[in-house]
């Protein structure tokens, strides 16, 4: 469904979108690794009744993930157009891809919050909560955002910014749940 909004902007934008989605996949690989690691870590420590280690480990994982994604974001800020050129050297495609990549770079530091708290909650046995948060934000809210923004503006940057908008709302929901809801068993 998201692709249909992008398709309306022509082949250069579609090609730029495709290149940027590939680059974004590389950014998400370490995030997914940290997510799986913290899920296992939390599950094992809850099983061992070492609840003190769960929150401390979560903070450490979050810090490490911020560092990795921050470094990648800085690299892409300076060399993003060159990376896009690996996939397509047409300047119109590079510019379209850069618009999307720039929208993403501005909010990449929200992804560690989403992925680490997602993993923590799944490791704690609360797997339905991350699913609800992510489906609501990345499917439902993103579609609502795109339907509205494409009626307001014709600038493809705002279509691309639909991802960061939903990252912001998902990160807020994860933070609220992590800090306000009792998800760890009693010690």
C-alpha atoms as a PDB file:
ATOM      1  CA  UNK A   1       0.000   0.000   0.000  1.00  0.00           C
ATOM      2  CA  UNK A   2       2.850   2.375   0.805  1.00  0.00           C
ATOM      3  CA  UNK A   3       4.414   1.571  -2.556  1.00  0.00           C
ATOM      4  CA  UNK A   4       1.316   2.915  -4.331  1.00  0.00           C
ATOM      5  CA  UNK A   5       1.910   6.354  -2.786  1.00  0.00           C
ATOM      6  CA  UNK A   6       5.540   6.306  -3.934  1.00  0.00           C
ATOM      7  CA  UNK A   7       4.624   5.064  -7.428  1.00  0.00           C
ATOM      8  CA  UNK A   8       2.579   8.216  -8.018  1.00  0.00           C
ATOM      9  CA  UNK A   9       5.831  10.256  -8.121  1.00  0.00           C
ATOM     10  CA  UNK A  10       7.350   8.494 -11.138  1.00  0.00           C
ATOM     11  CA  UNK A  11      10.141   6.088 -11.967  1.00  0.00           C
ATOM     12  CA  UNK A  12      13.037   8.198 -10.615  1.00  0.00           C
ATOM     13  CA  UNK A  13      11.401   8.383  -7.190  1.00  0.00           C
ATOM     14  CA  UNK A  14      10.564   4.667  -7.261  1.00  0.00           C
ATOM     15  CA  UNK A  15      14.196   3.847  -8.095  1.00  0.00           C
ATOM     16  CA  UNK A  16      15.452   6.194  -5.350  1.00  0.00           C
ATOM     17  CA  UNK A  17      12.997   4.612  -2.927  1.00  0.00           C
ATOM     18  CA  UNK A  18      14.235   1.128  -3.854  1.00  0.00           C
ATOM     19  CA  UNK A  19      17.885   2.074  -3.312  1.00  0.00           C
ATOM     20  CA  UNK A  20      17.137   3.716   0.014  1.00  0.00           C
ATOM     21  CA  UNK A  21      15.095   0.755   1.242  1.00  0.00           C
ATOM     22  CA  UNK A  22      18.140  -1.449   0.569  1.00  0.00           C
ATOM     23  CA  UNK A  23      20.392   0.926   2.518  1.00  0.00           C
ATOM     24  CA  UNK A  24      17.843   1.062   5.325  1.00  0.00           C
ATOM     25  CA  UNK A  25      17.958  -2.729   5.438  1.00  0.00           C
ATOM     26  CA  UNK A  26      21.664  -2.548   6.250  1.00  0.00           C
ATOM     27  CA  UNK A  27      20.966  -0.076   9.055  1.00  0.00           C
ATOM     28  CA  UNK A  28      18.319  -2.398  10.461  1.00  0.00           C
ATOM     29  CA  UNK A  29      20.503  -5.530  10.469  1.00  0.00           C
ATOM     30  CA  UNK A  30      22.427  -4.626  13.646  1.00  0.00           C
ATOM     31  CA  UNK A  31      19.183  -3.404  15.224  1.00  0.00           C
ATOM     32  CA  UNK A  32      17.578  -6.788  14.633  1.00  0.00           C
ATOM     33  CA  UNK A  33      20.636  -8.516  16.085  1.00  0.00           C
ATOM     34  CA  UNK A  34      20.486  -6.417  19.246  1.00  0.00           C
ATOM     35  CA  UNK A  35      16.728  -7.055  19.396  1.00  0.00           C
ATOM     36  CA  UNK A  36      17.193 -10.829  19.305  1.00  0.00           C
ATOM     37  CA  UNK A  37      20.057 -10.680  21.799  1.00  0.00           C
ATOM     38  CA  UNK A  38      18.126  -8.620  24.339  1.00  0.00           C
ATOM     39  CA  UNK A  39      15.069 -10.840  23.944  1.00  0.00           C
ATOM     40  CA  UNK A  40      17.140 -13.879  24.885  1.00  0.00           C
ATOM     41  CA  UNK A  41      18.986 -12.011  27.625  1.00  0.00           C
ATOM     42  CA  UNK A  42      15.768 -10.810  29.268  1.00  0.00           C
ATOM     43  CA  UNK A  43      14.098 -14.206  29.040  1.00  0.00           C
ATOM     44  CA  UNK A  44      17.082 -15.973  30.603  1.00  0.00           C
ATOM     45  CA  UNK A  45      17.433 -13.447  33.410  1.00  0.00           C
ATOM     46  CA  UNK A  46      13.735 -13.461  34.226  1.00  0.00           C
ATOM     47  CA  UNK A  47      13.905 -17.261  34.282  1.00  0.00           C
ATOM     48  CA  UNK A  48      16.869 -17.043  36.666  1.00  0.00           C
ATOM     49  CA  UNK A  49      14.976 -14.443  38.751  1.00  0.00           C
ATOM     50  CA  UNK A  50      17.781 -11.917  38.168  1.00  0.00           C
ATOM     51  CA  UNK A  51      15.434  -8.982  37.611  1.00  0.00           C
ATOM     52  CA  UNK A  52      18.146  -6.456  38.476  1.00  0.00           C
ATOM     53  CA  UNK A  53      20.104  -7.576  35.423  1.00  0.00           C
ATOM     54  CA  UNK A  54      17.119  -7.153  33.102  1.00  0.00           C
ATOM     55  CA  UNK A  55      16.874  -3.367  33.371  1.00  0.00           C
ATOM     56  CA  UNK A  56      20.644  -2.883  33.557  1.00  0.00           C
ATOM     57  CA  UNK A  57      21.149  -5.089  30.503  1.00  0.00           C
ATOM     58  CA  UNK A  58      18.411  -3.188  28.689  1.00  0.00           C
ATOM     59  CA  UNK A  59      20.192   0.109  29.315  1.00  0.00           C
ATOM     60  CA  UNK A  60      23.497  -1.310  28.107  1.00  0.00           C
ATOM     61  CA  UNK A  61      21.883  -2.750  24.971  1.00  0.00           C
ATOM     62  CA  UNK A  62      20.166   0.563  24.301  1.00  0.00           C
ATOM     63  CA  UNK A  63      23.470   2.433  24.672  1.00  0.00           C
ATOM     64  CA  UNK A  64      25.300   0.046  22.342  1.00  0.00           C
ATOM     65  CA  UNK A  65      22.513   0.221  19.780  1.00  0.00           C
ATOM     66  CA  UNK A  66      22.469   4.033  19.912  1.00  0.00           C
ATOM     67  CA  UNK A  67      26.215   4.024  19.261  1.00  0.00           C
ATOM     68  CA  UNK A  68      25.972   1.688  16.259  1.00  0.00           C
ATOM     69  CA  UNK A  69      22.992   3.424  14.672  1.00  0.00           C
ATOM     70  CA  UNK A  70      24.420   6.864  15.464  1.00  0.00           C
ATOM     71  CA  UNK A  71      27.664   5.972  13.686  1.00  0.00           C
ATOM     72  CA  UNK A  72      25.736   4.654  10.694  1.00  0.00           C
ATOM     73  CA  UNK A  73      23.561   7.787  10.598  1.00  0.00           C
ATOM     74  CA  UNK A  74      26.615  10.060  10.654  1.00  0.00           C
ATOM     75  CA  UNK A  75      28.246   8.029   7.878  1.00  0.00           C
ATOM     76  CA  UNK A  76      25.081   8.164   5.763  1.00  0.00           C
ATOM     77  CA  UNK A  77      24.675  11.894   6.392  1.00  0.00           C
ATOM     78  CA  UNK A  78      28.060  12.547   4.818  1.00  0.00           C
ATOM     79  CA  UNK A  79      28.223   9.719   2.274  1.00  0.00           C
ATOM     80  CA  UNK A  80      24.564   8.817   1.687  1.00  0.00           C
ATOM     81  CA  UNK A  81      24.449  10.051  -1.886  1.00  0.00           C
ATOM     82  CA  UNK A  82      27.571   8.037  -2.694  1.00  0.00           C
ATOM     83  CA  UNK A  83      25.985   4.931  -1.204  1.00  0.00           C
ATOM     84  CA  UNK A  84      22.824   5.490  -3.252  1.00  0.00           C
ATOM     85  CA  UNK A  85      25.014   5.761  -6.362  1.00  0.00           C
ATOM     86  CA  UNK A  86      26.138   2.169  -5.758  1.00  0.00           C
ATOM     87  CA  UNK A  87      22.595   1.139  -6.678  1.00  0.00           C
ATOM     88  CA  UNK A  88      21.842   3.767  -9.353  1.00  0.00           C
ATOM     89  CA  UNK A  89      24.034   6.572 -10.698  1.00  0.00           C
ATOM     90  CA  UNK A  90      21.247   8.599 -12.345  1.00  0.00           C
ATOM     91  CA  UNK A  91      21.265  11.970 -10.555  1.00  0.00           C
ATOM     92  CA  UNK A  92      17.461  12.260 -10.439  1.00  0.00           C
ATOM     93  CA  UNK A  93      17.318   8.864  -8.739  1.00  0.00           C
ATOM     94  CA  UNK A  94      20.118   9.824  -6.339  1.00  0.00           C
ATOM     95  CA  UNK A  95      18.273  13.024  -5.383  1.00  0.00           C
ATOM     96  CA  UNK A  96      15.011  11.155  -4.813  1.00  0.00           C
ATOM     97  CA  UNK A  97      16.808   8.526  -2.757  1.00  0.00           C
ATOM     98  CA  UNK A  98      18.610  11.228  -0.790  1.00  0.00           C
ATOM     99  CA  UNK A  99      15.281  12.859   0.134  1.00  0.00           C
ATOM    100  CA  UNK A 100      14.150   9.587   1.638  1.00  0.00           C
ATOM    101  CA  UNK A 101      17.483   8.812   3.268  1.00  0.00           C
ATOM    102  CA  UNK A 102      17.658  12.310   4.742  1.00  0.00           C
ATOM    103  CA  UNK A 103      14.161  11.893   6.206  1.00  0.00           C
ATOM    104  CA  UNK A 104      15.282   8.611   7.736  1.00  0.00           C
ATOM    105  CA  UNK A 105      18.640   9.863   9.051  1.00  0.00           C
ATOM    106  CA  UNK A 106      16.925  12.610  11.034  1.00  0.00           C
ATOM    107  CA  UNK A 107      15.104   9.987  13.111  1.00  0.00           C
ATOM    108  CA  UNK A 108      17.306   6.881  13.011  1.00  0.00           C
ATOM    109  CA  UNK A 109      18.111   7.332  16.703  1.00  0.00           C
ATOM    110  CA  UNK A 110      14.512   6.397  17.516  1.00  0.00           C
ATOM    111  CA  UNK A 111      14.952   2.907  16.114  1.00  0.00           C
ATOM    112  CA  UNK A 112      17.061   1.620  19.038  1.00  0.00           C
ATOM    113  CA  UNK A 113      14.251   2.577  21.420  1.00  0.00           C
ATOM    114  CA  UNK A 114      11.742   0.647  19.337  1.00  0.00           C
ATOM    115  CA  UNK A 115      13.910  -2.415  18.799  1.00  0.00           C
ATOM    116  CA  UNK A 116      15.372  -2.742  22.295  1.00  0.00           C
ATOM    117  CA  UNK A 117      12.107  -2.181  24.168  1.00  0.00           C
ATOM    118  CA  UNK A 118      10.401  -4.507  21.693  1.00  0.00           C
ATOM    119  CA  UNK A 119      12.962  -7.202  22.511  1.00  0.00           C
ATOM    120  CA  UNK A 120      12.789  -6.567  26.250  1.00  0.00           C
ATOM    121  CA  UNK A 121       9.018  -6.916  26.321  1.00  0.00           C
ATOM    122  CA  UNK A 122       9.065 -10.035  24.150  1.00  0.00           C
ATOM    123  CA  UNK A 123      11.727 -11.558  26.394  1.00  0.00           C
ATOM    124  CA  UNK A 124       9.523 -10.763  29.389  1.00  0.00           C
ATOM    125  CA  UNK A 125       6.673 -12.713  27.809  1.00  0.00           C
ATOM    126  CA  UNK A 126       4.709  -9.640  26.697  1.00  0.00           C
ATOM    127  CA  UNK A 127       5.000 -10.330  22.969  1.00  0.00           C
ATOM    128  CA  UNK A 128       1.515  -9.100  22.095  1.00  0.00           C
ATOM    129  CA  UNK A 129       2.286  -5.548  23.270  1.00  0.00           C
ATOM    130  CA  UNK A 130       5.117  -4.921  20.754  1.00  0.00           C
ATOM    131  CA  UNK A 131       3.008  -6.519  18.041  1.00  0.00           C
ATOM    132  CA  UNK A 132       0.073  -4.186  18.752  1.00  0.00           C
ATOM    133  CA  UNK A 133       2.329  -1.127  18.944  1.00  0.00           C
ATOM    134  CA  UNK A 134       4.126  -1.948  15.711  1.00  0.00           C
ATOM    135  CA  UNK A 135       1.052  -2.939  13.701  1.00  0.00           C
ATOM    136  CA  UNK A 136      -0.780   0.179  14.841  1.00  0.00           C
ATOM    137  CA  UNK A 137       2.102   2.510  14.007  1.00  0.00           C
ATOM    138  CA  UNK A 138       3.758   0.910  10.993  1.00  0.00           C
ATOM    139  CA  UNK A 139       0.599  -0.230   9.232  1.00  0.00           C
ATOM    140  CA  UNK A 140      -2.480   1.670  10.396  1.00  0.00           C
ATOM    141  CA  UNK A 141      -1.016   5.047  11.422  1.00  0.00           C
ATOM    142  CA  UNK A 142       1.381   5.133   8.460  1.00  0.00           C
ATOM    143  CA  UNK A 143      -1.531   4.617   6.047  1.00  0.00           C
ATOM    144  CA  UNK A 144      -3.563   7.345   7.741  1.00  0.00           C
ATOM    145  CA  UNK A 145      -0.564   9.692   7.633  1.00  0.00           C
ATOM    146  CA  UNK A 146       0.074   8.991   3.938  1.00  0.00           C
ATOM    147  CA  UNK A 147      -3.588   9.428   3.001  1.00  0.00           C
ATOM    148  CA  UNK A 148      -3.648  12.819   4.737  1.00  0.00           C
ATOM    149  CA  UNK A 149      -0.231  14.147   3.702  1.00  0.00           C
ATOM    150  CA  UNK A 150      -0.716  13.339   0.013  1.00  0.00           C
ATOM    151  CA  UNK A 151      -3.892  15.438   0.067  1.00  0.00           C
ATOM    152  CA  UNK A 152      -2.037  18.377   1.663  1.00  0.00           C
ATOM    153  CA  UNK A 153       1.239  18.452  -0.274  1.00  0.00           C
ATOM    154  CA  UNK A 154       2.786  17.107  -3.438  1.00  0.00           C
ATOM    155  CA  UNK A 155       6.314  16.986  -1.975  1.00  0.00           C
ATOM    156  CA  UNK A 156       7.599  13.399  -1.864  1.00  0.00           C
ATOM    157  CA  UNK A 157       9.769  14.241   1.166  1.00  0.00           C
ATOM    158  CA  UNK A 158       6.624  14.275   3.294  1.00  0.00           C
ATOM    159  CA  UNK A 159       5.628  10.869   1.940  1.00  0.00           C
ATOM    160  CA  UNK A 160       9.060   9.569   2.945  1.00  0.00           C
ATOM    161  CA  UNK A 161       8.739  11.241   6.326  1.00  0.00           C
ATOM    162  CA  UNK A 162       5.824   8.886   7.028  1.00  0.00           C
ATOM    163  CA  UNK A 163       8.361   6.354   8.307  1.00  0.00           C
ATOM    164  CA  UNK A 164       9.953   8.690  10.888  1.00  0.00           C
ATOM    165  CA  UNK A 165       6.535   9.979  11.987  1.00  0.00           C
ATOM    166  CA  UNK A 166       5.487   6.448  12.852  1.00  0.00           C
ATOM    167  CA  UNK A 167       8.872   5.724  14.451  1.00  0.00           C
ATOM    168  CA  UNK A 168       8.292   8.712  16.726  1.00  0.00           C
ATOM    169  CA  UNK A 169       4.847   7.524  17.784  1.00  0.00           C
ATOM    170  CA  UNK A 170       6.022   3.923  18.257  1.00  0.00           C
ATOM    171  CA  UNK A 171       9.019   5.043  20.326  1.00  0.00           C
ATOM    172  CA  UNK A 172       6.731   7.123  22.550  1.00  0.00           C
ATOM    173  CA  UNK A 173       4.400   4.160  23.053  1.00  0.00           C
ATOM    174  CA  UNK A 174       7.285   1.821  23.899  1.00  0.00           C
ATOM    175  CA  UNK A 175       8.761   4.328  26.368  1.00  0.00           C
ATOM    176  CA  UNK A 176       5.412   4.819  28.082  1.00  0.00           C
ATOM    177  CA  UNK A 177       4.805   1.077  28.340  1.00  0.00           C
ATOM    178  CA  UNK A 178       8.362   0.319  29.500  1.00  0.00           C
ATOM    179  CA  UNK A 179       8.335   2.934  32.267  1.00  0.00           C
ATOM    180  CA  UNK A 180       4.659   3.100  33.274  1.00  0.00           C
ATOM    181  CA  UNK A 181       3.384  -0.483  33.087  1.00  0.00           C
ATOM    182  CA  UNK A 182       4.515  -3.282  35.386  1.00  0.00           C
ATOM    183  CA  UNK A 183       5.976  -5.827  32.980  1.00  0.00           C
ATOM    184  CA  UNK A 184       8.625  -7.458  35.210  1.00  0.00           C
ATOM    185  CA  UNK A 185       7.510 -10.146  37.694  1.00  0.00           C
ATOM    186  CA  UNK A 186       7.700  -9.343  41.392  1.00  0.00           C
ATOM    187  CA  UNK A 187      11.051 -10.057  42.952  1.00  0.00           C
END
